[in-house]
Protein backbone atom coordinates (compact mmCIF):
# COMPACT_ATOMS: atom_id res chain seq x y z
CA UNK A 1 86.77 113.32 109.76
CA UNK A 2 85.52 110.59 107.41
CA UNK A 3 84.62 107.25 108.96
CA UNK A 4 85.87 104.04 107.37
CA UNK A 5 85.41 100.47 108.50
CA UNK A 6 88.43 98.18 108.24
CA UNK A 7 87.30 94.88 106.76
CA UNK A 8 89.47 92.53 108.82
CA UNK A 9 89.36 90.27 111.84
CA UNK A 10 93.17 90.39 112.04
CA UNK A 11 94.06 92.50 115.10
CA UNK A 12 97.62 93.09 113.85
CA UNK A 13 96.42 94.38 110.51
CA UNK A 14 93.80 96.61 112.16
CA UNK A 15 96.43 98.07 114.51
CA UNK A 16 98.83 98.82 111.63
CA UNK A 17 96.13 100.51 109.54
CA UNK A 18 95.05 102.61 112.54
CA UNK A 19 98.65 103.68 113.16
CA UNK A 20 99.23 104.56 109.51
CA UNK A 21 95.89 106.23 108.64
CA UNK A 22 94.53 107.23 112.04
CA UNK A 23 95.15 110.96 111.62
CA UNK A 24 93.28 111.08 108.30
CA UNK A 25 90.20 108.94 109.03
CA UNK A 26 88.08 107.82 111.93
CA UNK A 27 89.00 104.13 111.83
CA UNK A 28 86.27 101.69 112.86
CA UNK A 29 86.66 97.97 113.42
CA UNK A 30 84.09 95.38 112.46
CA UNK A 31 83.18 95.18 116.17
CA UNK A 32 82.64 98.95 116.27
CA UNK A 33 79.87 98.62 113.66
CA UNK A 34 78.43 95.41 115.12
CA UNK A 35 79.58 93.06 112.37
CA UNK A 36 80.71 89.52 112.92
CA UNK A 37 81.71 88.50 109.43
CA UNK A 38 84.46 86.42 107.90
CA UNK A 39 84.39 87.04 104.16
CA UNK A 40 85.59 84.13 102.04
CA UNK A 41 88.57 85.14 99.90
CA UNK A 42 87.79 83.59 96.52
CA UNK A 43 89.84 85.95 94.32
CA UNK A 44 92.89 84.91 92.35
CA UNK A 45 94.81 88.09 93.28
CA UNK A 46 95.36 90.25 96.34
CA UNK A 47 93.35 93.06 94.70
CA UNK A 48 90.39 90.79 93.94
CA UNK A 49 90.31 89.54 97.53
CA UNK A 50 90.53 93.07 98.94
CA UNK A 51 87.64 94.18 96.73
CA UNK A 52 85.51 91.19 97.76
CA UNK A 53 86.05 91.96 101.46
CA UNK A 54 85.55 95.73 101.19
CA UNK A 55 82.37 95.37 99.12
CA UNK A 56 80.89 92.80 101.52
CA UNK A 57 81.45 95.03 104.56
CA UNK A 58 80.13 98.15 102.81
CA UNK A 59 77.01 96.26 101.70
CA UNK A 60 76.30 95.27 105.31
CA UNK A 61 76.90 98.59 107.06
CA UNK A 62 76.75 101.32 104.39
CA UNK A 63 79.96 102.93 105.63
CA UNK A 64 83.00 103.22 103.33
CA UNK A 65 85.10 100.10 103.86
CA UNK A 66 88.80 99.55 103.51
CA UNK A 67 90.20 96.07 103.00
CA UNK A 68 93.76 94.88 102.69
CA UNK A 69 94.80 91.57 101.22
CA UNK A 70 98.45 90.89 101.54
CA UNK A 71 100.98 88.16 101.79
CA UNK A 72 104.46 86.89 101.23
CA UNK A 73 105.74 85.97 97.77
CA UNK A 74 108.87 83.81 97.68
CA UNK A 75 110.73 83.68 94.37
CA UNK A 76 112.05 80.11 94.79
CA UNK A 77 108.44 78.93 95.30
CA UNK A 78 107.10 80.68 92.20
CA UNK A 79 105.45 83.39 94.31
CA UNK A 80 103.94 81.08 96.92
CA UNK A 81 102.46 81.32 99.45
CA UNK A 82 101.02 84.45 97.78
CA UNK A 83 97.25 84.86 98.16
CA UNK A 84 97.25 81.73 100.34
CA UNK A 85 99.68 83.24 102.88
CA UNK A 86 97.24 83.21 105.81
CA UNK A 87 96.13 79.64 105.08
CA UNK A 88 99.33 78.20 103.63
CA UNK A 89 99.40 75.25 106.04
CA UNK A 90 95.64 74.66 105.79
CA UNK A 91 94.06 76.48 108.72
CA UNK A 92 93.46 80.22 108.40
CA UNK A 93 95.77 82.38 110.49
CA UNK A 94 97.93 79.65 112.08
CA UNK A 95 101.20 81.60 111.99
CA UNK A 96 103.27 78.84 113.58
CA UNK A 97 102.14 76.17 111.12
CA UNK A 98 102.47 78.53 108.14
CA UNK A 99 106.02 79.50 109.12
CA UNK A 100 107.02 75.87 109.75
CA UNK A 101 105.70 74.74 106.36
CA UNK A 102 107.41 77.63 104.57
CA UNK A 103 110.75 76.82 106.20
CA UNK A 104 110.34 73.15 105.30
CA UNK A 105 109.52 73.99 101.67
CA UNK A 106 112.55 76.30 101.51
CA UNK A 107 114.99 73.92 103.24
CA UNK A 108 117.06 73.25 100.11
CA UNK A 109 116.58 76.62 98.40
CA UNK A 110 119.57 78.89 97.90
CA UNK A 111 117.54 81.78 96.43
CA UNK A 112 115.81 83.27 99.48
CA UNK A 113 114.56 86.49 97.83
CA UNK A 114 111.00 87.40 98.74
CA UNK A 115 108.65 90.31 99.14
CA UNK A 116 105.58 91.25 101.11
CA UNK A 117 102.83 92.52 98.82
CA UNK A 118 99.67 94.42 99.75
CA UNK A 119 96.61 95.50 97.81
CA UNK A 120 94.15 97.80 99.55
CA UNK A 121 90.70 98.77 98.37
CA UNK A 122 88.64 101.68 99.69
CA UNK A 123 85.07 100.88 98.67
CA UNK A 124 82.51 103.67 98.78
CA UNK A 125 79.76 102.14 96.65
CA UNK A 126 79.18 100.51 93.29
CA UNK A 127 81.73 101.79 90.79
CA UNK A 128 83.22 104.04 93.49
CA UNK A 129 86.35 102.44 94.83
CA UNK A 130 90.09 102.90 94.75
CA UNK A 131 92.75 100.20 94.61
CA UNK A 132 96.33 100.76 95.72
CA UNK A 133 99.41 98.55 95.90
CA UNK A 134 102.60 98.33 97.91
CA UNK A 135 105.57 95.99 98.25
CA UNK A 136 108.65 95.66 100.41
CA UNK A 137 111.62 93.46 99.56
CA UNK A 138 113.87 91.20 101.55
CA UNK A 139 115.14 87.69 102.07
CA UNK A 140 113.68 84.71 103.86
CA UNK A 141 115.62 83.75 106.96
CA UNK A 142 116.44 80.14 107.89
CA UNK A 143 114.77 80.46 111.30
CA UNK A 144 112.52 82.98 113.06
CA UNK A 145 114.30 86.08 114.35
CA UNK A 146 112.43 88.20 116.90
CA UNK A 147 108.96 88.19 118.40
CA UNK A 148 107.46 91.40 117.01
CA UNK A 149 104.79 91.65 114.35
CA UNK A 150 102.65 88.76 113.16
CA UNK A 151 102.46 86.23 110.36
CA UNK A 152 105.76 85.78 108.53
CA UNK A 153 107.40 88.87 110.11
CA UNK A 154 110.01 86.87 112.10
CA UNK A 155 111.15 85.14 108.87
CA UNK A 156 111.37 88.29 106.73
CA UNK A 157 114.71 90.13 106.67
CA UNK A 158 113.94 93.63 105.42
CA UNK A 159 116.40 95.16 102.96
CA UNK A 160 115.17 98.61 104.02
CA UNK A 161 115.72 98.09 107.75
CA UNK A 162 118.66 95.68 107.75
CA UNK A 163 116.85 93.43 110.23
CA UNK A 164 113.88 91.13 110.42
CA UNK A 165 110.39 92.51 110.83
CA UNK A 166 110.34 90.29 113.93
CA UNK A 167 113.06 92.50 115.46
CA UNK A 168 111.70 95.80 114.11
CA UNK A 169 109.61 98.10 116.26
CA UNK A 170 106.09 98.78 115.05
CA UNK A 171 107.16 102.28 114.01
CA UNK A 172 110.12 100.94 112.01
CA UNK A 173 107.99 98.34 110.25
CA UNK A 174 105.22 100.85 109.51
CA UNK A 175 107.75 103.16 107.84
CA UNK A 176 108.70 100.63 105.12
CA UNK A 177 106.04 97.92 105.06
CA UNK A 178 104.02 96.80 102.07
CA UNK A 179 100.85 97.93 103.85
CA UNK A 180 102.33 101.37 104.57
CA UNK A 181 103.30 101.74 100.91
CA UNK A 182 99.85 100.65 99.69
CA UNK A 183 98.10 103.00 102.12
CA UNK A 184 100.42 105.86 101.12
CA UNK A 185 99.57 105.15 97.48
CA UNK A 186 95.86 105.24 98.42
CA UNK A 187 96.29 108.59 100.18
CA UNK A 188 98.01 109.97 97.06
CA UNK A 189 95.03 108.86 94.96
CA UNK A 190 92.62 110.51 97.40
CA UNK A 191 94.53 113.80 97.04
CA UNK A 192 94.39 113.80 93.20
């Protein structure tokens, strides 16, 4: 089974990738390979950020690296928070502050359509990488609903599931999520 390192410090993301791809690859965390790295996301798109992270991890450990960059795009905000989803309120990964700011910015909005978007990159060396995309559509709730998931999950009402990701089980979310769809697209590319 091929080893891949997941280029993330986000425990929720790592868990989801392991659950989705775990039967195809031996999934290693940054800790498993002795890396303590936080790669700066300087790209203008999810795909650029995923490539930056995957390349940085591969260059440090020499093992194929998979990176995901993903976030929430809200139509009424012109696609924001977008690539800034994890640091929307300033600090990186402060879910409570990010959710509060998003709700405040959407207070007067009637169009609540939004989507989670994911770009994943499997980097195996210079000029040897694959990029895959996935999206899942829904509406932004007026208040958090449920305690499952992470990030904006409690605010995202999934059209596929008919409930918020905050109320969905991990298995339900993984069956329709943007990350699942991007990773499925990556697996299809690997089989070509």
